Amino acid sequence: MKYFVYNRHFGWSHGTPANPQVISEEDGKELMKRAGISKNDVLLAFPPAQFAEEGDELFEKFGGNRYLMLGDLERCAGKEDAKISKPLEVNWD
């Protein structure tokens, strides 16, 4: 299982994250802390664990994404190799 962020679901299928961006475990834990969401929240695909609104600082910091999940990338749709092969570099400053 990996931490990843995403901004939308696949088509009509609520609960299927689309176009995920992998983040490091450390960044996942820090994001949960700052957003006030629990590990149990991020283990669920639906309802998604929303950590930001469009335009928020965290939304921008995480590449235009607003949901966090800890799960199996194989269950996601629209995966891009560049976004799942290495974690997003997050600058917390």
PDB file of N, CA and C in Angstrom:
ATOM      1  N   MET A   1       0.846  -1.181   0.000  1.00  0.00           N
ATOM      2  CA  MET A   1       0.000   0.000   0.000  1.00  0.00           C
ATOM      3  C   MET A   1       0.888   1.240   0.000  1.00  0.00           C
ATOM      4  N   LYS A   2       0.412   2.241  -0.697  1.00  0.00           N
ATOM      5  CA  LYS A   2       1.151   3.497  -0.803  1.00  0.00           C
ATOM      6  C   LYS A   2       0.212   4.665  -0.525  1.00  0.00           C
ATOM      7  N   TYR A   3       0.827   5.767  -0.068  1.00  0.00           N
ATOM      8  CA  TYR A   3       0.084   7.016   0.053  1.00  0.00           C
ATOM      9  C   TYR A   3       0.058   7.663  -1.320  1.00  0.00           C
ATOM     10  N   PHE A   4      -1.099   8.179  -1.702  1.00  0.00           N
ATOM     11  CA  PHE A   4      -1.193   8.937  -2.939  1.00  0.00           C
ATOM     12  C   PHE A   4      -2.284   9.985  -2.820  1.00  0.00           C
ATOM     13  N   VAL A   5      -2.141  11.025  -3.629  1.00  0.00           N
ATOM     14  CA  VAL A   5      -3.127  12.092  -3.694  1.00  0.00           C
ATOM     15  C   VAL A   5      -3.756  12.066  -5.078  1.00  0.00           C
ATOM     16  N   TYR A   6      -4.960  12.590  -5.161  1.00  0.00           N
ATOM     17  CA  TYR A   6      -5.656  12.646  -6.446  1.00  0.00           C
ATOM     18  C   TYR A   6      -6.725  13.723  -6.366  1.00  0.00           C
ATOM     19  N   ASN A   7      -7.293  14.080  -7.512  1.00  0.00           N
ATOM     20  CA  ASN A   7      -8.252  15.180  -7.547  1.00  0.00           C
ATOM     21  C   ASN A   7      -9.624  14.778  -8.067  1.00  0.00           C
ATOM     22  N   ARG A   8      -9.743  13.587  -8.605  1.00  0.00           N
ATOM     23  CA  ARG A   8     -11.044  13.217  -9.172  1.00  0.00           C
ATOM     24  C   ARG A   8     -11.215  11.705  -9.157  1.00  0.00           C
ATOM     25  N   HIS A   9     -12.440  11.309  -9.427  1.00  0.00           N
ATOM     26  CA  HIS A   9     -12.760   9.887  -9.537  1.00  0.00           C
ATOM     27  C   HIS A   9     -12.964   9.542 -11.002  1.00  0.00           C
ATOM     28  N   PHE A  10     -12.864   8.273 -11.310  1.00  0.00           N
ATOM     29  CA  PHE A  10     -12.988   7.786 -12.669  1.00  0.00           C
ATOM     30  C   PHE A  10     -14.449   7.767 -13.093  1.00  0.00           C
ATOM     31  N   GLY A  11     -14.798   8.618 -14.049  1.00  0.00           N
ATOM     32  CA  GLY A  11     -16.139   8.646 -14.628  1.00  0.00           C
ATOM     33  C   GLY A  11     -17.242   8.647 -13.602  1.00  0.00           C
ATOM     34  N   TRP A  12     -18.199   7.784 -13.778  1.00  0.00           N
ATOM     35  CA  TRP A  12     -19.352   7.704 -12.886  1.00  0.00           C
ATOM     36  C   TRP A  12     -19.049   6.886 -11.644  1.00  0.00           C
ATOM     37  N   SER A  13     -17.911   6.241 -11.609  1.00  0.00           N
ATOM     38  CA  SER A  13     -17.601   5.275 -10.557  1.00  0.00           C
ATOM     39  C   SER A  13     -17.010   5.950  -9.328  1.00  0.00           C
ATOM     40  N   HIS A  14     -17.859   6.488  -8.475  1.00  0.00           N
ATOM     41  CA  HIS A  14     -17.361   7.069  -7.225  1.00  0.00           C
ATOM     42  C   HIS A  14     -16.649   5.987  -6.443  1.00  0.00           C
ATOM     43  N   GLY A  15     -15.521   6.323  -5.887  1.00  0.00           N
ATOM     44  CA  GLY A  15     -14.735   5.364  -5.139  1.00  0.00           C
ATOM     45  C   GLY A  15     -13.558   4.812  -5.916  1.00  0.00           C
ATOM     46  N   THR A  16     -13.456   5.120  -7.211  1.00  0.00           N
ATOM     47  CA  THR A  16     -12.297   4.698  -7.997  1.00  0.00           C
ATOM     48  C   THR A  16     -11.431   5.927  -8.269  1.00  0.00           C
ATOM     49  N   PRO A  17     -10.365   6.125  -7.476  1.00  0.00           N
ATOM     50  CA  PRO A  17      -9.505   7.287  -7.694  1.00  0.00           C
ATOM     51  C   PRO A  17      -8.902   7.273  -9.094  1.00  0.00           C
ATOM     52  N   ALA A  18      -8.783   8.464  -9.681  1.00  0.00           N
ATOM     53  CA  ALA A  18      -8.219   8.593 -11.023  1.00  0.00           C
ATOM     54  C   ALA A  18      -6.971   9.468 -10.992  1.00  0.00           C
ATOM     55  N   ASN A  19      -6.008   9.113 -11.823  1.00  0.00           N
ATOM     56  CA  ASN A  19      -4.786   9.883 -12.018  1.00  0.00           C
ATOM     57  C   ASN A  19      -4.043  10.144 -10.693  1.00  0.00           C
ATOM     58  N   PRO A  20      -3.692   9.085  -9.959  1.00  0.00           N
ATOM     59  CA  PRO A  20      -3.041   9.264  -8.662  1.00  0.00           C
ATOM     60  C   PRO A  20      -1.604   9.757  -8.776  1.00  0.00           C
ATOM     61  N   GLN A  21      -1.177  10.480  -7.728  1.00  0.00           N
ATOM     62  CA  GLN A  21       0.205  10.936  -7.587  1.00  0.00           C
ATOM     63  C   GLN A  21       0.744  10.356  -6.287  1.00  0.00           C
ATOM     64  N   VAL A  22       1.758   9.502  -6.373  1.00  0.00           N
ATOM     65  CA  VAL A  22       2.357   8.900  -5.183  1.00  0.00           C
ATOM     66  C   VAL A  22       3.069   9.974  -4.365  1.00  0.00           C
ATOM     67  N   ILE A  23       2.946   9.862  -3.031  1.00  0.00           N
ATOM     68  CA  ILE A  23       3.709  10.707  -2.115  1.00  0.00           C
ATOM     69  C   ILE A  23       4.407   9.785  -1.119  1.00  0.00           C
ATOM     70  N   SER A  24       5.408  10.307  -0.434  1.00  0.00           N
ATOM     71  CA  SER A  24       6.144   9.493   0.534  1.00  0.00           C
ATOM     72  C   SER A  24       5.290   9.239   1.772  1.00  0.00           C
ATOM     73  N   GLU A  25       5.659   8.205   2.512  1.00  0.00           N
ATOM     74  CA  GLU A  25       4.956   7.900   3.760  1.00  0.00           C
ATOM     75  C   GLU A  25       5.066   9.072   4.731  1.00  0.00           C
ATOM     76  N   GLU A  26       6.237   9.683   4.802  1.00  0.00           N
ATOM     77  CA  GLU A  26       6.442  10.824   5.692  1.00  0.00           C
ATOM     78  C   GLU A  26       5.527  11.985   5.312  1.00  0.00           C
ATOM     79  N   ASP A  27       5.430  12.281   4.018  1.00  0.00           N
ATOM     80  CA  ASP A  27       4.551  13.365   3.575  1.00  0.00           C
ATOM     81  C   ASP A  27       3.087  13.009   3.812  1.00  0.00           C
ATOM     82  N   GLY A  28       2.730  11.749   3.639  1.00  0.00           N
ATOM     83  CA  GLY A  28       1.364  11.317   3.913  1.00  0.00           C
ATOM     84  C   GLY A  28       0.988  11.544   5.365  1.00  0.00           C
ATOM     85  N   LYS A  29       1.886  11.189   6.269  1.00  0.00           N
ATOM     86  CA  LYS A  29       1.629  11.371   7.701  1.00  0.00           C
ATOM     87  C   LYS A  29       1.572  12.846   8.075  1.00  0.00           C
ATOM     88  N   GLU A  30       2.472  13.640   7.513  1.00  0.00           N
ATOM     89  CA  GLU A  30       2.466  15.084   7.783  1.00  0.00           C
ATOM     90  C   GLU A  30       1.192  15.723   7.240  1.00  0.00           C
ATOM     91  N   LEU A  31       0.771  15.311   6.065  1.00  0.00           N
ATOM     92  CA  LEU A  31      -0.454  15.849   5.471  1.00  0.00           C
ATOM     93  C   LEU A  31      -1.666  15.499   6.332  1.00  0.00           C
ATOM     94  N   MET A  32      -1.744  14.268   6.814  1.00  0.00           N
ATOM     95  CA  MET A  32      -2.857  13.883   7.694  1.00  0.00           C
ATOM     96  C   MET A  32      -2.872  14.750   8.945  1.00  0.00           C
ATOM     97  N   LYS A  33      -1.701  14.978   9.526  1.00  0.00           N
ATOM     98  CA  LYS A  33      -1.596  15.800  10.729  1.00  0.00           C
ATOM     99  C   LYS A  33      -2.085  17.224  10.466  1.00  0.00           C
ATOM    100  N   ARG A  34      -1.601  17.825   9.399  1.00  0.00           N
ATOM    101  CA  ARG A  34      -1.974  19.214   9.094  1.00  0.00           C
ATOM    102  C   ARG A  34      -3.437  19.359   8.697  1.00  0.00           C
ATOM    103  N   ALA A  35      -3.981  18.336   8.048  1.00  0.00           N
ATOM    104  CA  ALA A  35      -5.371  18.407   7.582  1.00  0.00           C
ATOM    105  C   ALA A  35      -6.367  17.886   8.618  1.00  0.00           C
ATOM    106  N   GLY A  36      -5.861  17.273   9.685  1.00  0.00           N
ATOM    107  CA  GLY A  36      -6.747  16.752  10.719  1.00  0.00           C
ATOM    108  C   GLY A  36      -7.545  15.535  10.279  1.00  0.00           C
ATOM    109  N   ILE A  37      -6.922  14.682   9.479  1.00  0.00           N
ATOM    110  CA  ILE A  37      -7.593  13.454   9.051  1.00  0.00           C
ATOM    111  C   ILE A  37      -6.810  12.251   9.576  1.00  0.00           C
ATOM    112  N   SER A  38      -7.509  11.152   9.780  1.00  0.00           N
ATOM    113  CA  SER A  38      -6.901   9.972  10.397  1.00  0.00           C
ATOM    114  C   SER A  38      -6.501   8.928   9.357  1.00  0.00           C
ATOM    115  N   LYS A  39      -5.714   7.969   9.816  1.00  0.00           N
ATOM    116  CA  LYS A  39      -5.322   6.865   8.943  1.00  0.00           C
ATOM    117  C   LYS A  39      -6.556   6.085   8.503  1.00  0.00           C
ATOM    118  N   ASN A  40      -7.524   5.929   9.397  1.00  0.00           N
ATOM    119  CA  ASN A  40      -8.766   5.244   9.022  1.00  0.00           C
ATOM    120  C   ASN A  40      -9.480   5.980   7.893  1.00  0.00           C
ATOM    121  N   ASP A  41      -9.433   7.326   7.916  1.00  0.00           N
ATOM    122  CA  ASP A  41     -10.061   8.124   6.854  1.00  0.00           C
ATOM    123  C   ASP A  41      -9.419   7.844   5.502  1.00  0.00           C
ATOM    124  N   VAL A  42      -8.099   7.760   5.473  1.00  0.00           N
ATOM    125  CA  VAL A  42      -7.402   7.626   4.192  1.00  0.00           C
ATOM    126  C   VAL A  42      -7.394   6.196   3.657  1.00  0.00           C
ATOM    127  N   LEU A  43      -7.816   5.255   4.466  1.00  0.00           N
ATOM    128  CA  LEU A  43      -7.923   3.871   3.998  1.00  0.00           C
ATOM    129  C   LEU A  43      -9.198   3.638   3.198  1.00  0.00           C
ATOM    130  N   LEU A  44     -10.161   4.557   3.298  1.00  0.00           N
ATOM    131  CA  LEU A  44     -11.436   4.428   2.593  1.00  0.00           C
ATOM    132  C   LEU A  44     -11.395   5.130   1.246  1.00  0.00           C
ATOM    133  N   ALA A  45     -11.888   4.469   0.225  1.00  0.00           N
ATOM    134  CA  ALA A  45     -11.987   5.109  -1.089  1.00  0.00           C
ATOM    135  C   ALA A  45     -13.200   6.035  -1.140  1.00  0.00           C
ATOM    136  N   PHE A  46     -14.242   5.680  -0.415  1.00  0.00           N
ATOM    137  CA  PHE A  46     -15.449   6.506  -0.420  1.00  0.00           C
ATOM    138  C   PHE A  46     -16.064   6.494   0.959  1.00  0.00           C
ATOM    139  N   PRO A  47     -16.324   7.636   1.565  1.00  0.00           N
ATOM    140  CA  PRO A  47     -16.044   8.957   1.010  1.00  0.00           C
ATOM    141  C   PRO A  47     -14.545   9.251   1.032  1.00  0.00           C
ATOM    142  N   PRO A  48     -14.078  10.019   0.058  1.00  0.00           N
ATOM    143  CA  PRO A  48     -12.647  10.317  -0.004  1.00  0.00           C
ATOM    144  C   PRO A  48     -12.214  11.234   1.140  1.00  0.00           C
ATOM    145  N   ALA A  49     -10.967  11.099   1.561  1.00  0.00           N
ATOM    146  CA  ALA A  49     -10.397  11.942   2.616  1.00  0.00           C
ATOM    147  C   ALA A  49      -9.907  13.237   1.970  1.00  0.00           C
ATOM    148  N   GLN A  50     -10.731  14.262   2.045  1.00  0.00           N
ATOM    149  CA  GLN A  50     -10.400  15.540   1.410  1.00  0.00           C
ATOM    150  C   GLN A  50      -9.542  16.371   2.350  1.00  0.00           C
ATOM    151  N   PHE A  51      -8.398  16.827   1.860  1.00  0.00           N
ATOM    152  CA  PHE A  51      -7.491  17.626   2.674  1.00  0.00           C
ATOM    153  C   PHE A  51      -7.429  19.080   2.222  1.00  0.00           C
ATOM    154  N   ALA A  52      -8.018  19.419   1.090  1.00  0.00           N
ATOM    155  CA  ALA A  52      -7.940  20.795   0.587  1.00  0.00           C
ATOM    156  C   ALA A  52      -9.077  21.075  -0.384  1.00  0.00           C
ATOM    157  N   GLU A  53      -9.299  22.355  -0.602  1.00  0.00           N
ATOM    158  CA  GLU A  53     -10.201  22.839  -1.650  1.00  0.00           C
ATOM    159  C   GLU A  53      -9.325  23.397  -2.766  1.00  0.00           C
ATOM    160  N   GLU A  54      -9.876  23.479  -3.957  1.00  0.00           N
ATOM    161  CA  GLU A  54      -9.122  24.069  -5.068  1.00  0.00           C
ATOM    162  C   GLU A  54      -8.658  25.462  -4.682  1.00  0.00           C
ATOM    163  N   GLY A  55      -7.385  25.741  -4.935  1.00  0.00           N
ATOM    164  CA  GLY A  55      -6.808  27.043  -4.642  1.00  0.00           C
ATOM    165  C   GLY A  55      -6.167  27.154  -3.274  1.00  0.00           C
ATOM    166  N   ASP A  56      -6.440  26.212  -2.345  1.00  0.00           N
ATOM    167  CA  ASP A  56      -5.808  26.228  -1.028  1.00  0.00           C
ATOM    168  C   ASP A  56      -4.309  25.980  -1.159  1.00  0.00           C
ATOM    169  N   GLU A  57      -3.570  26.361  -0.119  1.00  0.00           N
ATOM    170  CA  GLU A  57      -2.118  26.145  -0.119  1.00  0.00           C
ATOM    171  C   GLU A  57      -1.773  24.659  -0.267  1.00  0.00           C
ATOM    172  N   LEU A  58      -2.465  23.792   0.471  1.00  0.00           N
ATOM    173  CA  LEU A  58      -2.176  22.359   0.369  1.00  0.00           C
ATOM    174  C   LEU A  58      -2.543  21.807  -1.004  1.00  0.00           C
ATOM    175  N   PHE A  59      -3.581  22.342  -1.615  1.00  0.00           N
ATOM    176  CA  PHE A  59      -3.971  21.933  -2.965  1.00  0.00           C
ATOM    177  C   PHE A  59      -2.823  22.202  -3.932  1.00  0.00           C
ATOM    178  N   GLU A  60      -2.247  23.384  -3.839  1.00  0.00           N
ATOM    179  CA  GLU A  60      -1.133  23.762  -4.717  1.00  0.00           C
ATOM    180  C   GLU A  60       0.128  22.957  -4.389  1.00  0.00           C
ATOM    181  N   LYS A  61       0.409  22.789  -3.101  1.00  0.00           N
ATOM    182  CA  LYS A  61       1.612  22.069  -2.656  1.00  0.00           C
ATOM    183  C   LYS A  61       1.621  20.618  -3.135  1.00  0.00           C
ATOM    184  N   PHE A  62       0.420  20.038  -3.285  1.00  0.00           N
ATOM    185  CA  PHE A  62       0.309  18.645  -3.706  1.00  0.00           C
ATOM    186  C   PHE A  62      -0.139  18.510  -5.158  1.00  0.00           C
ATOM    187  N   GLY A  63       0.320  19.431  -5.988  1.00  0.00           N
ATOM    188  CA  GLY A  63       0.160  19.306  -7.433  1.00  0.00           C
ATOM    189  C   GLY A  63      -1.264  19.416  -7.939  1.00  0.00           C
ATOM    190  N   GLY A  64      -2.099  20.206  -7.261  1.00  0.00           N
ATOM    191  CA  GLY A  64      -3.478  20.373  -7.710  1.00  0.00           C
ATOM    192  C   GLY A  64      -4.369  19.197  -7.342  1.00  0.00           C
ATOM    193  N   ASN A  65      -4.082  18.578  -6.225  1.00  0.00           N
ATOM    194  CA  ASN A  65      -4.882  17.451  -5.745  1.00  0.00           C
ATOM    195  C   ASN A  65      -5.532  17.811  -4.418  1.00  0.00           C
ATOM    196  N   ARG A  66      -6.662  17.163  -4.108  1.00  0.00           N
ATOM    197  CA  ARG A  66      -7.370  17.483  -2.867  1.00  0.00           C
ATOM    198  C   ARG A  66      -7.779  16.288  -2.027  1.00  0.00           C
ATOM    199  N   TYR A  67      -7.521  15.078  -2.491  1.00  0.00           N
ATOM    200  CA  TYR A  67      -7.864  13.876  -1.732  1.00  0.00           C
ATOM    201  C   TYR A  67      -6.605  13.070  -1.439  1.00  0.00           C
ATOM    202  N   LEU A  68      -6.582  12.433  -0.268  1.00  0.00           N
ATOM    203  CA  LEU A  68      -5.465  11.581   0.137  1.00  0.00           C
ATOM    204  C   LEU A  68      -5.981  10.174   0.374  1.00  0.00           C
ATOM    205  N   MET A  69      -5.207   9.191  -0.051  1.00  0.00           N
ATOM    206  CA  MET A  69      -5.576   7.805   0.180  1.00  0.00           C
ATOM    207  C   MET A  69      -4.326   6.982   0.454  1.00  0.00           C
ATOM    208  N   LEU A  70      -4.494   5.969   1.290  1.00  0.00           N
ATOM    209  CA  LEU A  70      -3.470   4.952   1.510  1.00  0.00           C
ATOM    210  C   LEU A  70      -4.073   3.670   0.982  1.00  0.00           C
ATOM    211  N   GLY A  71      -3.548   3.198  -0.139  1.00  0.00           N
ATOM    212  CA  GLY A  71      -4.162   2.030  -0.750  1.00  0.00           C
ATOM    213  C   GLY A  71      -3.337   1.431  -1.866  1.00  0.00           C
ATOM    214  N   ASP A  72      -3.985   0.573  -2.599  1.00  0.00           N
ATOM    215  CA  ASP A  72      -3.380  -0.170  -3.699  1.00  0.00           C
ATOM    216  C   ASP A  72      -3.548   0.618  -4.998  1.00  0.00           C
ATOM    217  N   LEU A  73      -2.451   1.003  -5.603  1.00  0.00           N
ATOM    218  CA  LEU A  73      -2.511   1.768  -6.854  1.00  0.00           C
ATOM    219  C   LEU A  73      -3.177   0.991  -7.980  1.00  0.00           C
ATOM    220  N   GLU A  74      -3.167  -0.328  -7.896  1.00  0.00           N
ATOM    221  CA  GLU A  74      -3.803  -1.142  -8.936  1.00  0.00           C
ATOM    222  C   GLU A  74      -5.310  -0.908  -9.002  1.00  0.00           C
ATOM    223  N   ARG A  75      -5.882  -0.360  -7.950  1.00  0.00           N
ATOM    224  CA  ARG A  75      -7.323  -0.105  -7.930  1.00  0.00           C
ATOM    225  C   ARG A  75      -7.673   1.287  -8.452  1.00  0.00           C
ATOM    226  N   CYS A  76      -6.665   2.012  -8.939  1.00  0.00           N
ATOM    227  CA  CYS A  76      -6.873   3.354  -9.484  1.00  0.00           C
ATOM    228  C   CYS A  76      -7.001   3.297 -10.999  1.00  0.00           C
ATOM    229  N   ALA A  77      -7.619   4.314 -11.553  1.00  0.00           N
ATOM    230  CA  ALA A  77      -7.760   4.436 -13.007  1.00  0.00           C
ATOM    231  C   ALA A  77      -6.858   5.563 -13.507  1.00  0.00           C
ATOM    232  N   GLY A  78      -6.506   5.502 -14.774  1.00  0.00           N
ATOM    233  CA  GLY A  78      -5.762   6.586 -15.415  1.00  0.00           C
ATOM    234  C   GLY A  78      -4.391   6.838 -14.823  1.00  0.00           C
ATOM    235  N   LYS A  79      -3.677   5.788 -14.493  1.00  0.00           N
ATOM    236  CA  LYS A  79      -2.350   5.944 -13.902  1.00  0.00           C
ATOM    237  C   LYS A  79      -1.338   6.399 -14.952  1.00  0.00           C
ATOM    238  N   GLU A  80      -0.471   7.340 -14.546  1.00  0.00           N
ATOM    239  CA  GLU A  80       0.632   7.800 -15.391  1.00  0.00           C
ATOM    240  C   GLU A  80       1.935   7.343 -14.748  1.00  0.00           C
ATOM    241  N   ASP A  81       2.791   6.689 -15.511  1.00  0.00           N
ATOM    242  CA  ASP A  81       4.052   6.168 -14.971  1.00  0.00           C
ATOM    243  C   ASP A  81       4.853   7.231 -14.223  1.00  0.00           C
ATOM    244  N   ALA A  82       4.919   8.429 -14.758  1.00  0.00           N
ATOM    245  CA  ALA A  82       5.708   9.487 -14.132  1.00  0.00           C
ATOM    246  C   ALA A  82       5.173   9.862 -12.751  1.00  0.00           C
ATOM    247  N   LYS A  83       3.885   9.672 -12.519  1.00  0.00           N
ATOM    248  CA  LYS A  83       3.273  10.054 -11.245  1.00  0.00           C
ATOM    249  C   LYS A  83       3.243   8.921 -10.225  1.00  0.00           C
ATOM    250  N   ILE A  84       3.457   7.692 -10.675  1.00  0.00           N
ATOM    251  CA  ILE A  84       3.433   6.578  -9.728  1.00  0.00           C
ATOM    252  C   ILE A  84       4.800   5.921  -9.543  1.00  0.00           C
ATOM    253  N   SER A  85       5.765   6.286 -10.372  1.00  0.00           N
ATOM    254  CA  SER A  85       7.086   5.656 -10.277  1.00  0.00           C
ATOM    255  C   SER A  85       7.944   6.246  -9.164  1.00  0.00           C
ATOM    256  N   LYS A  86       7.700   7.498  -8.788  1.00  0.00           N
ATOM    257  CA  LYS A  86       8.440   8.099  -7.680  1.00  0.00           C
ATOM    258  C   LYS A  86       7.557   9.133  -6.991  1.00  0.00           C
ATOM    259  N   PRO A  87       7.773   9.306  -5.682  1.00  0.00           N
ATOM    260  CA  PRO A  87       6.932  10.231  -4.920  1.00  0.00           C
ATOM    261  C   PRO A  87       7.118  11.694  -5.338  1.00  0.00           C
ATOM    262  N   LEU A  88       6.048  12.440  -5.234  1.00  0.00           N
ATOM    263  CA  LEU A  88       6.075  13.886  -5.442  1.00  0.00           C
ATOM    264  C   LEU A  88       7.006  14.505  -4.405  1.00  0.00           C
ATOM    265  N   GLU A  89       7.827  15.440  -4.824  1.00  0.00           N
ATOM    266  CA  GLU A  89       8.689  16.153  -3.882  1.00  0.00           C
ATOM    267  C   GLU A  89       7.895  17.309  -3.298  1.00  0.00           C
ATOM    268  N   VAL A  90       7.661  17.250  -1.994  1.00  0.00           N
ATOM    269  CA  VAL A  90       6.850  18.254  -1.306  1.00  0.00           C
ATOM    270  C   VAL A  90       7.763  19.154  -0.489  1.00  0.00           C
ATOM    271  N   ASN A  91       7.626  20.459  -0.675  1.00  0.00           N
ATOM    272  CA  ASN A  91       8.376  21.444   0.098  1.00  0.00           C
ATOM    273  C   ASN A  91       7.455  21.970   1.198  1.00  0.00           C
ATOM    274  N   TRP A  92       7.730  21.604   2.438  1.00  0.00           N
ATOM    275  CA  TRP A  92       6.874  22.003   3.559  1.00  0.00           C
ATOM    276  C   TRP A  92       7.187  23.400   4.076  1.00  0.00           C
ATOM    277  N   ASP A  93       8.212  24.057   3.548  1.00  0.00           N
ATOM    278  CA  ASP A  93       8.561  25.409   4.022  1.00  0.00           C
ATOM    279  C   ASP A  93       7.564  26.430   3.569  1.00  0.00           C
TER     280      ASP A  93
END
